[in-house]
Amino acid sequence: MLDTRELGRRPGSQRQVSRQVPAPADLGIEVLHVPEGAPVDLDLRLESVMEGVLVTGEARATLEGECARCLEPISDEIEVTFQELYVYEQHQTPHDEDDEVSRLEDDLVDLEPQLRDAVVLALPFQPLCRDDCPGLCTECGARLADDPDHSHEEPIDPRWAGLAALQQDEAPRGD
């Protein structure tokens, strides 16, 4: 929660806020996320407007997860921006309930929903350890980046399997 009382309710007044907060639980997607409790650096600008407080912010955090192709651990940084208008109670209308308008409650701003939306939307759908990650072998699960020449014998077409069995049964003859 962020206190906006210092702004007063004077349209045009503004202030800058820099703060480090612990990351909330589940900030990210299944394969890439900000670890719970990890520091999130926030640089915010609070502007008083007629209807409420406009918050413009930038957040930076460290990401952890795994490559979608080879399942190796990934560690990265993320930087996102967001902007949201938090409306004073007296400026709220009945249709605001349906439109999910952000509200000021006792002059306090809850940034978590906007931070969560900004981070999740900025994450790649399938994070990779590197752009050309070859992934895992589909037959045995070997990591192809560790063994680029990895291969298996070509599978025998089931229609010819009977002939392959005959060839194996045939013993070499000594003439």
N, C-alpha and C. Protein backbone atom coordinates (compact mmCIF):
# COMPACT_ATOMS: atom_id res chain seq x y z
N MET A 1 0.84 -1.18 0.00
CA MET A 1 0.00 0.00 0.00
C MET A 1 0.89 1.25 0.00
N LEU A 2 0.45 2.22 -0.72
CA LEU A 2 1.18 3.46 -0.88
C LEU A 2 0.30 4.61 -0.40
N ASP A 3 0.82 5.43 0.50
CA ASP A 3 0.06 6.54 1.07
C ASP A 3 0.16 7.76 0.16
N THR A 4 -0.99 8.34 -0.19
CA THR A 4 -1.02 9.50 -1.08
C THR A 4 -1.40 10.80 -0.36
N ARG A 5 -1.51 10.77 0.96
CA ARG A 5 -1.96 11.96 1.71
C ARG A 5 -1.04 13.16 1.54
N GLU A 6 0.27 12.92 1.34
CA GLU A 6 1.20 14.04 1.19
C GLU A 6 0.90 14.89 -0.04
N LEU A 7 0.24 14.30 -1.04
CA LEU A 7 -0.12 15.05 -2.23
C LEU A 7 -1.21 16.08 -1.93
N GLY A 8 -1.99 15.78 -0.92
CA GLY A 8 -3.17 16.59 -0.69
C GLY A 8 -4.13 16.30 -1.82
N ARG A 9 -5.23 16.90 -1.83
CA ARG A 9 -6.17 16.67 -2.93
C ARG A 9 -6.17 17.90 -3.83
N ARG A 10 -4.97 18.35 -4.16
CA ARG A 10 -4.79 19.54 -5.01
C ARG A 10 -4.37 19.08 -6.40
N PRO A 11 -5.27 19.14 -7.39
CA PRO A 11 -4.90 18.74 -8.75
C PRO A 11 -3.65 19.49 -9.21
N GLY A 12 -2.75 18.74 -9.82
CA GLY A 12 -1.51 19.33 -10.32
C GLY A 12 -0.32 19.04 -9.42
N SER A 13 -0.57 18.73 -8.16
CA SER A 13 0.57 18.44 -7.28
C SER A 13 1.07 17.03 -7.60
N GLN A 14 2.37 16.84 -7.45
CA GLN A 14 2.96 15.53 -7.73
C GLN A 14 4.18 15.31 -6.86
N ARG A 15 4.58 14.03 -6.79
CA ARG A 15 5.81 13.70 -6.08
C ARG A 15 6.37 12.39 -6.63
N GLN A 16 7.66 12.27 -6.51
CA GLN A 16 8.38 11.08 -6.95
C GLN A 16 8.61 10.18 -5.73
N VAL A 17 8.50 8.89 -5.92
CA VAL A 17 8.72 7.92 -4.85
C VAL A 17 9.56 6.78 -5.40
N SER A 18 10.65 6.46 -4.70
CA SER A 18 11.45 5.28 -5.03
C SER A 18 11.39 4.38 -3.81
N ARG A 19 11.13 3.11 -4.08
CA ARG A 19 10.93 2.20 -2.97
C ARG A 19 11.30 0.79 -3.42
N GLN A 20 11.76 0.01 -2.46
CA GLN A 20 12.02 -1.41 -2.72
C GLN A 20 11.04 -2.20 -1.86
N VAL A 21 10.31 -3.11 -2.50
CA VAL A 21 9.30 -3.90 -1.80
C VAL A 21 9.54 -5.38 -2.09
N PRO A 22 9.09 -6.26 -1.19
CA PRO A 22 9.22 -7.70 -1.47
C PRO A 22 8.17 -8.14 -2.49
N ALA A 23 8.56 -9.05 -3.35
CA ALA A 23 7.64 -9.54 -4.39
C ALA A 23 6.52 -10.36 -3.75
N PRO A 24 5.29 -10.14 -4.21
CA PRO A 24 4.18 -10.96 -3.71
C PRO A 24 4.27 -12.38 -4.26
N ALA A 25 3.49 -13.27 -3.71
CA ALA A 25 3.46 -14.67 -4.18
C ALA A 25 2.90 -14.71 -5.60
N ASP A 26 3.36 -15.67 -6.37
CA ASP A 26 2.85 -15.93 -7.73
C ASP A 26 2.96 -14.73 -8.66
N LEU A 27 4.09 -14.04 -8.62
CA LEU A 27 4.31 -12.91 -9.53
C LEU A 27 5.02 -13.44 -10.77
N GLY A 28 4.25 -13.88 -11.75
CA GLY A 28 4.81 -14.42 -12.98
C GLY A 28 3.94 -15.52 -13.52
N ILE A 29 4.56 -16.39 -14.34
CA ILE A 29 3.86 -17.54 -14.92
C ILE A 29 4.54 -18.80 -14.40
N GLU A 30 3.99 -19.95 -14.76
CA GLU A 30 4.47 -21.21 -14.21
C GLU A 30 5.96 -21.45 -14.44
N VAL A 31 6.47 -21.14 -15.64
CA VAL A 31 7.86 -21.45 -15.95
C VAL A 31 8.83 -20.29 -15.74
N LEU A 32 8.33 -19.08 -15.43
CA LEU A 32 9.19 -17.92 -15.22
C LEU A 32 8.49 -16.95 -14.27
N HIS A 33 9.16 -16.61 -13.16
CA HIS A 33 8.52 -15.77 -12.15
C HIS A 33 9.54 -15.00 -11.33
N VAL A 34 9.05 -14.01 -10.59
CA VAL A 34 9.85 -13.31 -9.60
C VAL A 34 9.67 -14.11 -8.30
N PRO A 35 10.74 -14.59 -7.70
CA PRO A 35 10.59 -15.38 -6.47
C PRO A 35 9.89 -14.57 -5.37
N GLU A 36 9.01 -15.24 -4.64
CA GLU A 36 8.29 -14.58 -3.56
C GLU A 36 9.28 -13.99 -2.56
N GLY A 37 9.08 -12.73 -2.20
CA GLY A 37 9.94 -12.06 -1.23
C GLY A 37 11.18 -11.41 -1.83
N ALA A 38 11.47 -11.68 -3.11
CA ALA A 38 12.64 -11.07 -3.77
C ALA A 38 12.39 -9.56 -3.89
N PRO A 39 13.46 -8.76 -3.87
CA PRO A 39 13.25 -7.30 -3.95
C PRO A 39 12.75 -6.85 -5.32
N VAL A 40 11.77 -5.96 -5.30
CA VAL A 40 11.25 -5.32 -6.51
C VAL A 40 11.49 -3.83 -6.32
N ASP A 41 12.26 -3.24 -7.23
CA ASP A 41 12.56 -1.80 -7.16
C ASP A 41 11.48 -1.04 -7.91
N LEU A 42 10.87 -0.06 -7.24
CA LEU A 42 9.81 0.75 -7.83
C LEU A 42 10.25 2.20 -7.91
N ASP A 43 10.05 2.81 -9.06
CA ASP A 43 10.21 4.26 -9.25
C ASP A 43 8.85 4.75 -9.69
N LEU A 44 8.23 5.58 -8.86
CA LEU A 44 6.85 6.01 -9.11
C LEU A 44 6.72 7.51 -9.16
N ARG A 45 5.76 7.97 -9.95
CA ARG A 45 5.37 9.37 -9.95
C ARG A 45 3.89 9.41 -9.62
N LEU A 46 3.54 10.12 -8.55
CA LEU A 46 2.16 10.27 -8.13
C LEU A 46 1.70 11.67 -8.51
N GLU A 47 0.59 11.75 -9.25
CA GLU A 47 0.06 13.05 -9.67
C GLU A 47 -1.39 13.16 -9.21
N SER A 48 -1.69 14.24 -8.52
CA SER A 48 -3.06 14.48 -8.10
C SER A 48 -3.84 15.06 -9.27
N VAL A 49 -4.98 14.45 -9.58
CA VAL A 49 -5.87 14.95 -10.63
C VAL A 49 -7.26 15.11 -10.00
N MET A 50 -8.19 15.66 -10.73
CA MET A 50 -9.53 15.93 -10.19
C MET A 50 -10.19 14.67 -9.62
N GLU A 51 -10.12 13.56 -10.35
CA GLU A 51 -10.83 12.35 -9.94
C GLU A 51 -10.09 11.52 -8.91
N GLY A 52 -8.77 11.71 -8.78
CA GLY A 52 -8.01 10.87 -7.86
C GLY A 52 -6.52 11.08 -8.01
N VAL A 53 -5.77 9.97 -8.05
CA VAL A 53 -4.31 10.02 -8.16
C VAL A 53 -3.88 9.14 -9.32
N LEU A 54 -3.10 9.74 -10.23
CA LEU A 54 -2.54 9.01 -11.36
C LEU A 54 -1.15 8.53 -10.96
N VAL A 55 -0.96 7.21 -11.00
CA VAL A 55 0.32 6.62 -10.64
C VAL A 55 0.98 6.09 -11.91
N THR A 56 2.17 6.60 -12.19
CA THR A 56 2.98 6.13 -13.31
C THR A 56 4.22 5.51 -12.70
N GLY A 57 4.53 4.28 -13.08
CA GLY A 57 5.64 3.61 -12.42
C GLY A 57 6.47 2.74 -13.31
N GLU A 58 7.64 2.42 -12.78
CA GLU A 58 8.58 1.50 -13.42
C GLU A 58 9.02 0.53 -12.34
N ALA A 59 9.05 -0.75 -12.66
CA ALA A 59 9.45 -1.77 -11.70
C ALA A 59 10.55 -2.63 -12.29
N ARG A 60 11.52 -2.99 -11.45
CA ARG A 60 12.62 -3.86 -11.87
C ARG A 60 12.74 -5.00 -10.86
N ALA A 61 12.97 -6.21 -11.39
CA ALA A 61 13.10 -7.38 -10.51
C ALA A 61 13.90 -8.46 -11.22
N THR A 62 14.32 -9.45 -10.45
CA THR A 62 15.05 -10.60 -10.97
C THR A 62 14.07 -11.75 -11.19
N LEU A 63 14.22 -12.41 -12.33
CA LEU A 63 13.36 -13.54 -12.68
C LEU A 63 14.11 -14.86 -12.51
N GLU A 64 13.36 -15.89 -12.16
CA GLU A 64 13.89 -17.24 -12.12
C GLU A 64 12.89 -18.16 -12.79
N GLY A 65 13.40 -19.21 -13.42
CA GLY A 65 12.51 -20.16 -14.07
C GLY A 65 13.29 -21.22 -14.80
N GLU A 66 12.67 -21.78 -15.84
CA GLU A 66 13.35 -22.81 -16.62
C GLU A 66 13.02 -22.65 -18.10
N CYS A 67 13.97 -23.08 -18.91
CA CYS A 67 13.84 -23.01 -20.36
C CYS A 67 12.69 -23.93 -20.80
N ALA A 68 11.86 -23.45 -21.68
CA ALA A 68 10.71 -24.23 -22.14
C ALA A 68 11.13 -25.39 -23.05
N ARG A 69 12.36 -25.36 -23.59
CA ARG A 69 12.81 -26.44 -24.48
C ARG A 69 13.68 -27.47 -23.77
N CYS A 70 14.65 -27.01 -22.95
CA CYS A 70 15.60 -27.96 -22.37
C CYS A 70 15.49 -28.08 -20.85
N LEU A 71 14.63 -27.28 -20.23
CA LEU A 71 14.36 -27.31 -18.80
C LEU A 71 15.54 -26.88 -17.92
N GLU A 72 16.54 -26.23 -18.52
CA GLU A 72 17.66 -25.70 -17.74
C GLU A 72 17.20 -24.45 -16.98
N PRO A 73 17.80 -24.19 -15.82
CA PRO A 73 17.42 -22.99 -15.05
C PRO A 73 17.73 -21.70 -15.81
N ILE A 74 16.86 -20.72 -15.66
CA ILE A 74 17.03 -19.41 -16.27
C ILE A 74 17.01 -18.37 -15.16
N SER A 75 17.89 -17.40 -15.27
CA SER A 75 17.88 -16.25 -14.37
C SER A 75 18.00 -15.02 -15.26
N ASP A 76 17.10 -14.05 -15.06
CA ASP A 76 17.07 -12.89 -15.93
C ASP A 76 16.55 -11.69 -15.13
N GLU A 77 16.57 -10.53 -15.75
CA GLU A 77 16.03 -9.31 -15.15
C GLU A 77 14.81 -8.89 -15.95
N ILE A 78 13.88 -8.22 -15.29
CA ILE A 78 12.71 -7.68 -16.00
C ILE A 78 12.52 -6.23 -15.57
N GLU A 79 12.14 -5.40 -16.52
CA GLU A 79 11.82 -4.00 -16.24
C GLU A 79 10.51 -3.70 -16.95
N VAL A 80 9.52 -3.26 -16.20
CA VAL A 80 8.19 -2.98 -16.77
C VAL A 80 7.73 -1.60 -16.35
N THR A 81 6.82 -1.04 -17.14
CA THR A 81 6.20 0.24 -16.80
C THR A 81 4.70 0.02 -16.69
N PHE A 82 4.06 0.86 -15.90
CA PHE A 82 2.61 0.78 -15.75
C PHE A 82 2.07 2.15 -15.39
N GLN A 83 0.79 2.33 -15.62
CA GLN A 83 0.13 3.59 -15.29
C GLN A 83 -1.31 3.26 -14.92
N GLU A 84 -1.80 3.87 -13.85
CA GLU A 84 -3.16 3.59 -13.40
C GLU A 84 -3.72 4.82 -12.68
N LEU A 85 -4.99 5.07 -12.92
CA LEU A 85 -5.70 6.14 -12.22
C LEU A 85 -6.47 5.51 -11.07
N TYR A 86 -6.19 5.98 -9.86
CA TYR A 86 -6.90 5.53 -8.66
C TYR A 86 -7.90 6.63 -8.31
N VAL A 87 -9.18 6.26 -8.28
CA VAL A 87 -10.26 7.22 -8.14
C VAL A 87 -10.64 7.42 -6.67
N TYR A 88 -10.88 8.71 -6.28
CA TYR A 88 -11.38 9.02 -4.93
C TYR A 88 -12.79 8.46 -4.78
N GLU A 89 -13.17 8.12 -3.57
CA GLU A 89 -14.50 7.56 -3.31
C GLU A 89 -15.62 8.44 -3.84
N GLN A 90 -15.54 9.75 -3.62
CA GLN A 90 -16.63 10.63 -4.03
C GLN A 90 -16.77 10.75 -5.55
N HIS A 91 -15.75 10.31 -6.31
CA HIS A 91 -15.84 10.37 -7.77
C HIS A 91 -16.21 9.02 -8.39
N GLN A 92 -16.45 8.02 -7.56
CA GLN A 92 -16.82 6.71 -8.07
C GLN A 92 -18.30 6.70 -8.42
N THR A 93 -18.63 5.97 -9.48
CA THR A 93 -20.02 5.86 -9.91
C THR A 93 -20.43 4.39 -9.81
N PRO A 94 -21.73 4.09 -9.83
CA PRO A 94 -22.18 2.70 -9.72
C PRO A 94 -21.60 1.79 -10.81
N HIS A 95 -21.39 2.31 -12.03
CA HIS A 95 -20.85 1.44 -13.08
C HIS A 95 -19.36 1.16 -12.89
N ASP A 96 -18.67 1.90 -12.01
CA ASP A 96 -17.25 1.64 -11.72
C ASP A 96 -17.06 0.24 -11.14
N GLU A 97 -18.06 -0.25 -10.41
CA GLU A 97 -17.97 -1.59 -9.82
C GLU A 97 -17.79 -2.63 -10.93
N ASP A 98 -18.54 -2.48 -12.01
CA ASP A 98 -18.48 -3.43 -13.11
C ASP A 98 -17.24 -3.25 -13.97
N ASP A 99 -16.72 -2.04 -14.06
CA ASP A 99 -15.58 -1.74 -14.93
C ASP A 99 -14.23 -1.97 -14.26
N GLU A 100 -14.23 -2.46 -13.03
CA GLU A 100 -13.00 -2.72 -12.29
C GLU A 100 -12.11 -1.49 -12.22
N VAL A 101 -12.67 -0.38 -11.82
CA VAL A 101 -11.92 0.86 -11.66
C VAL A 101 -11.10 0.75 -10.38
N SER A 102 -9.83 1.17 -10.45
CA SER A 102 -8.98 1.16 -9.26
C SER A 102 -9.40 2.29 -8.33
N ARG A 103 -9.45 1.99 -7.05
CA ARG A 103 -9.95 2.96 -6.08
C ARG A 103 -8.90 3.29 -5.03
N LEU A 104 -8.99 4.52 -4.56
CA LEU A 104 -8.21 4.91 -3.39
C LEU A 104 -9.04 4.54 -2.17
N GLU A 105 -8.43 3.87 -1.23
CA GLU A 105 -9.13 3.52 0.01
C GLU A 105 -8.40 4.20 1.15
N ASP A 106 -9.05 5.19 1.75
CA ASP A 106 -8.44 6.00 2.81
C ASP A 106 -7.13 6.61 2.34
N ASP A 107 -7.12 7.11 1.12
CA ASP A 107 -5.95 7.73 0.48
C ASP A 107 -4.77 6.76 0.32
N LEU A 108 -5.05 5.47 0.30
CA LEU A 108 -4.00 4.46 0.10
C LEU A 108 -4.20 3.80 -1.27
N VAL A 109 -3.07 3.51 -1.94
CA VAL A 109 -3.05 2.89 -3.26
C VAL A 109 -2.50 1.48 -3.11
N ASP A 110 -3.20 0.50 -3.69
CA ASP A 110 -2.72 -0.88 -3.73
C ASP A 110 -2.13 -1.12 -5.12
N LEU A 111 -0.80 -1.18 -5.22
CA LEU A 111 -0.12 -1.33 -6.50
C LEU A 111 -0.01 -2.77 -6.99
N GLU A 112 -0.26 -3.73 -6.11
CA GLU A 112 -0.03 -5.13 -6.47
C GLU A 112 -0.75 -5.59 -7.74
N PRO A 113 -2.05 -5.30 -7.92
CA PRO A 113 -2.69 -5.77 -9.16
C PRO A 113 -2.06 -5.19 -10.44
N GLN A 114 -1.69 -3.91 -10.42
CA GLN A 114 -1.08 -3.31 -11.61
C GLN A 114 0.33 -3.87 -11.83
N LEU A 115 1.08 -4.08 -10.76
CA LEU A 115 2.41 -4.67 -10.88
C LEU A 115 2.31 -6.08 -11.44
N ARG A 116 1.39 -6.86 -10.92
CA ARG A 116 1.20 -8.24 -11.39
C ARG A 116 0.83 -8.25 -12.88
N ASP A 117 -0.12 -7.41 -13.28
CA ASP A 117 -0.52 -7.36 -14.69
C ASP A 117 0.65 -6.97 -15.59
N ALA A 118 1.41 -5.96 -15.18
CA ALA A 118 2.53 -5.49 -16.00
C ALA A 118 3.60 -6.57 -16.15
N VAL A 119 3.94 -7.26 -15.07
CA VAL A 119 4.98 -8.30 -15.12
C VAL A 119 4.52 -9.48 -15.97
N VAL A 120 3.32 -9.98 -15.70
CA VAL A 120 2.84 -11.15 -16.43
C VAL A 120 2.74 -10.87 -17.94
N LEU A 121 2.25 -9.70 -18.31
CA LEU A 121 2.13 -9.37 -19.73
C LEU A 121 3.49 -9.19 -20.41
N ALA A 122 4.52 -8.84 -19.65
CA ALA A 122 5.85 -8.62 -20.24
C ALA A 122 6.66 -9.91 -20.39
N LEU A 123 6.24 -10.98 -19.73
CA LEU A 123 7.01 -12.23 -19.77
C LEU A 123 6.80 -12.96 -21.09
N PRO A 124 7.85 -13.63 -21.58
CA PRO A 124 7.69 -14.43 -22.80
C PRO A 124 6.81 -15.64 -22.51
N PHE A 125 6.01 -16.04 -23.48
CA PHE A 125 5.12 -17.18 -23.30
C PHE A 125 5.92 -18.46 -23.09
N GLN A 126 7.01 -18.61 -23.84
CA GLN A 126 7.89 -19.76 -23.69
C GLN A 126 9.32 -19.26 -23.55
N PRO A 127 9.78 -19.06 -22.31
CA PRO A 127 11.14 -18.55 -22.10
C PRO A 127 12.19 -19.57 -22.54
N LEU A 128 13.27 -19.06 -23.11
CA LEU A 128 14.36 -19.91 -23.58
C LEU A 128 15.67 -19.51 -22.91
N CYS A 129 16.55 -20.49 -22.69
CA CYS A 129 17.86 -20.19 -22.11
C CYS A 129 18.71 -19.41 -23.13
N ARG A 130 18.50 -19.70 -24.40
CA ARG A 130 19.12 -18.94 -25.49
C ARG A 130 18.23 -19.12 -26.72
N ASP A 131 18.31 -18.18 -27.64
CA ASP A 131 17.40 -18.18 -28.80
C ASP A 131 17.48 -19.45 -29.64
N ASP A 132 18.68 -20.04 -29.75
CA ASP A 132 18.83 -21.23 -30.60
C ASP A 132 18.89 -22.53 -29.79
N CYS A 133 18.26 -22.56 -28.64
CA CYS A 133 18.26 -23.75 -27.79
C CYS A 133 17.65 -24.92 -28.56
N PRO A 134 18.40 -26.03 -28.72
CA PRO A 134 17.87 -27.15 -29.49
C PRO A 134 16.89 -28.02 -28.69
N GLY A 135 16.86 -27.88 -27.38
CA GLY A 135 15.89 -28.63 -26.56
C GLY A 135 16.38 -30.00 -26.17
N LEU A 136 15.44 -30.93 -26.02
CA LEU A 136 15.73 -32.30 -25.59
C LEU A 136 15.40 -33.27 -26.71
N CYS A 137 16.08 -34.42 -26.71
CA CYS A 137 15.79 -35.48 -27.67
C CYS A 137 14.39 -36.01 -27.38
N THR A 138 13.59 -36.14 -28.41
CA THR A 138 12.21 -36.60 -28.21
C THR A 138 12.12 -38.08 -27.86
N GLU A 139 13.18 -38.84 -28.14
CA GLU A 139 13.16 -40.27 -27.85
C GLU A 139 13.70 -40.61 -26.47
N CYS A 140 14.82 -39.97 -26.08
CA CYS A 140 15.44 -40.37 -24.81
C CYS A 140 15.56 -39.24 -23.80
N GLY A 141 15.28 -38.00 -24.20
CA GLY A 141 15.33 -36.88 -23.26
C GLY A 141 16.72 -36.28 -23.07
N ALA A 142 17.70 -36.69 -23.86
CA ALA A 142 19.05 -36.13 -23.73
C ALA A 142 19.03 -34.65 -24.13
N ARG A 143 19.84 -33.85 -23.44
CA ARG A 143 19.93 -32.42 -23.75
C ARG A 143 20.79 -32.26 -25.01
N LEU A 144 20.19 -31.78 -26.08
CA LEU A 144 20.87 -31.71 -27.38
C LEU A 144 21.98 -30.67 -27.43
N ALA A 145 21.95 -29.65 -26.58
CA ALA A 145 23.03 -28.66 -26.55
C ALA A 145 24.32 -29.30 -26.02
N ASP A 146 24.21 -30.31 -25.14
CA ASP A 146 25.40 -30.99 -24.60
C ASP A 146 25.98 -32.00 -25.59
N ASP A 147 25.14 -32.53 -26.48
CA ASP A 147 25.57 -33.54 -27.44
C ASP A 147 24.95 -33.24 -28.80
N PRO A 148 25.57 -32.30 -29.56
CA PRO A 148 24.99 -31.88 -30.84
C PRO A 148 24.90 -33.01 -31.87
N ASP A 149 25.74 -34.05 -31.74
CA ASP A 149 25.73 -35.15 -32.71
C ASP A 149 24.84 -36.31 -32.26
N HIS A 150 24.03 -36.07 -31.26
CA HIS A 150 23.16 -37.11 -30.70
C HIS A 150 22.20 -37.62 -31.78
N SER A 151 22.09 -38.96 -31.87
CA SER A 151 21.15 -39.54 -32.84
C SER A 151 20.75 -40.93 -32.39
N HIS A 152 19.73 -41.45 -33.01
CA HIS A 152 19.25 -42.81 -32.78
C HIS A 152 19.12 -43.48 -34.13
N GLU A 153 19.11 -44.83 -34.13
CA GLU A 153 18.90 -45.53 -35.38
C GLU A 153 17.51 -45.19 -35.88
N GLU A 154 17.39 -45.15 -37.19
CA GLU A 154 16.08 -44.89 -37.78
C GLU A 154 15.12 -46.00 -37.37
N PRO A 155 13.93 -45.66 -36.99
CA PRO A 155 12.97 -46.71 -36.63
C PRO A 155 12.57 -47.50 -37.88
N ILE A 156 12.32 -48.77 -37.67
CA ILE A 156 11.94 -49.63 -38.79
C ILE A 156 10.45 -49.46 -39.04
N ASP A 157 10.13 -49.28 -40.29
CA ASP A 157 8.73 -49.17 -40.69
C ASP A 157 8.04 -50.48 -40.30
N PRO A 158 6.94 -50.42 -39.58
CA PRO A 158 6.28 -51.66 -39.12
C PRO A 158 5.88 -52.59 -40.27
N ARG A 159 5.70 -52.06 -41.45
CA ARG A 159 5.34 -52.90 -42.58
C ARG A 159 6.50 -53.80 -43.02
N TRP A 160 7.73 -53.39 -42.70
CA TRP A 160 8.93 -54.15 -43.08
C TRP A 160 9.55 -54.90 -41.91
N ALA A 161 8.94 -54.80 -40.74
CA ALA A 161 9.51 -55.41 -39.53
C ALA A 161 9.71 -56.92 -39.69
N GLY A 162 8.81 -57.60 -40.38
CA GLY A 162 8.93 -59.05 -40.59
C GLY A 162 10.19 -59.40 -41.38
N LEU A 163 10.52 -58.60 -42.39
CA LEU A 163 11.74 -58.85 -43.17
C LEU A 163 12.99 -58.61 -42.34
N ALA A 164 12.96 -57.62 -41.47
CA ALA A 164 14.12 -57.35 -40.62
C ALA A 164 14.36 -58.52 -39.69
N ALA A 165 13.30 -59.14 -39.20
CA ALA A 165 13.44 -60.30 -38.32
C ALA A 165 14.06 -61.46 -39.09
N LEU A 166 13.70 -61.68 -40.36
CA LEU A 166 14.29 -62.74 -41.19
C LEU A 166 15.78 -62.49 -41.40
N GLN A 167 16.13 -61.25 -41.61
CA GLN A 167 17.52 -60.90 -41.86
C GLN A 167 18.36 -61.18 -40.62
N GLN A 168 17.83 -60.93 -39.43
CA GLN A 168 18.56 -61.18 -38.20
C GLN A 168 18.68 -62.67 -37.92
N ASP A 169 17.68 -63.47 -38.32
CA ASP A 169 17.71 -64.91 -38.08
C ASP A 169 18.70 -65.62 -38.99
N GLU A 170 18.93 -65.04 -40.10
CA GLU A 170 19.80 -65.66 -41.10
C GLU A 170 21.25 -65.61 -40.59
N ALA A 171 21.84 -66.76 -40.43
CA ALA A 171 23.22 -66.83 -39.95
C ALA A 171 24.15 -66.86 -41.16
N PRO A 172 25.34 -66.29 -41.03
CA PRO A 172 26.27 -66.36 -42.14
C PRO A 172 26.69 -67.79 -42.42
N ARG A 173 26.75 -68.16 -43.67
CA ARG A 173 27.11 -69.54 -44.06
C ARG A 173 28.58 -69.59 -44.46
N GLY A 174 29.18 -70.62 -44.08
CA GLY A 174 30.56 -70.82 -44.50
C GLY A 174 30.59 -71.68 -45.75
N ASP A 175 30.97 -71.17 -46.89
CA ASP A 175 30.98 -71.93 -48.14
C ASP A 175 32.30 -72.57 -48.35
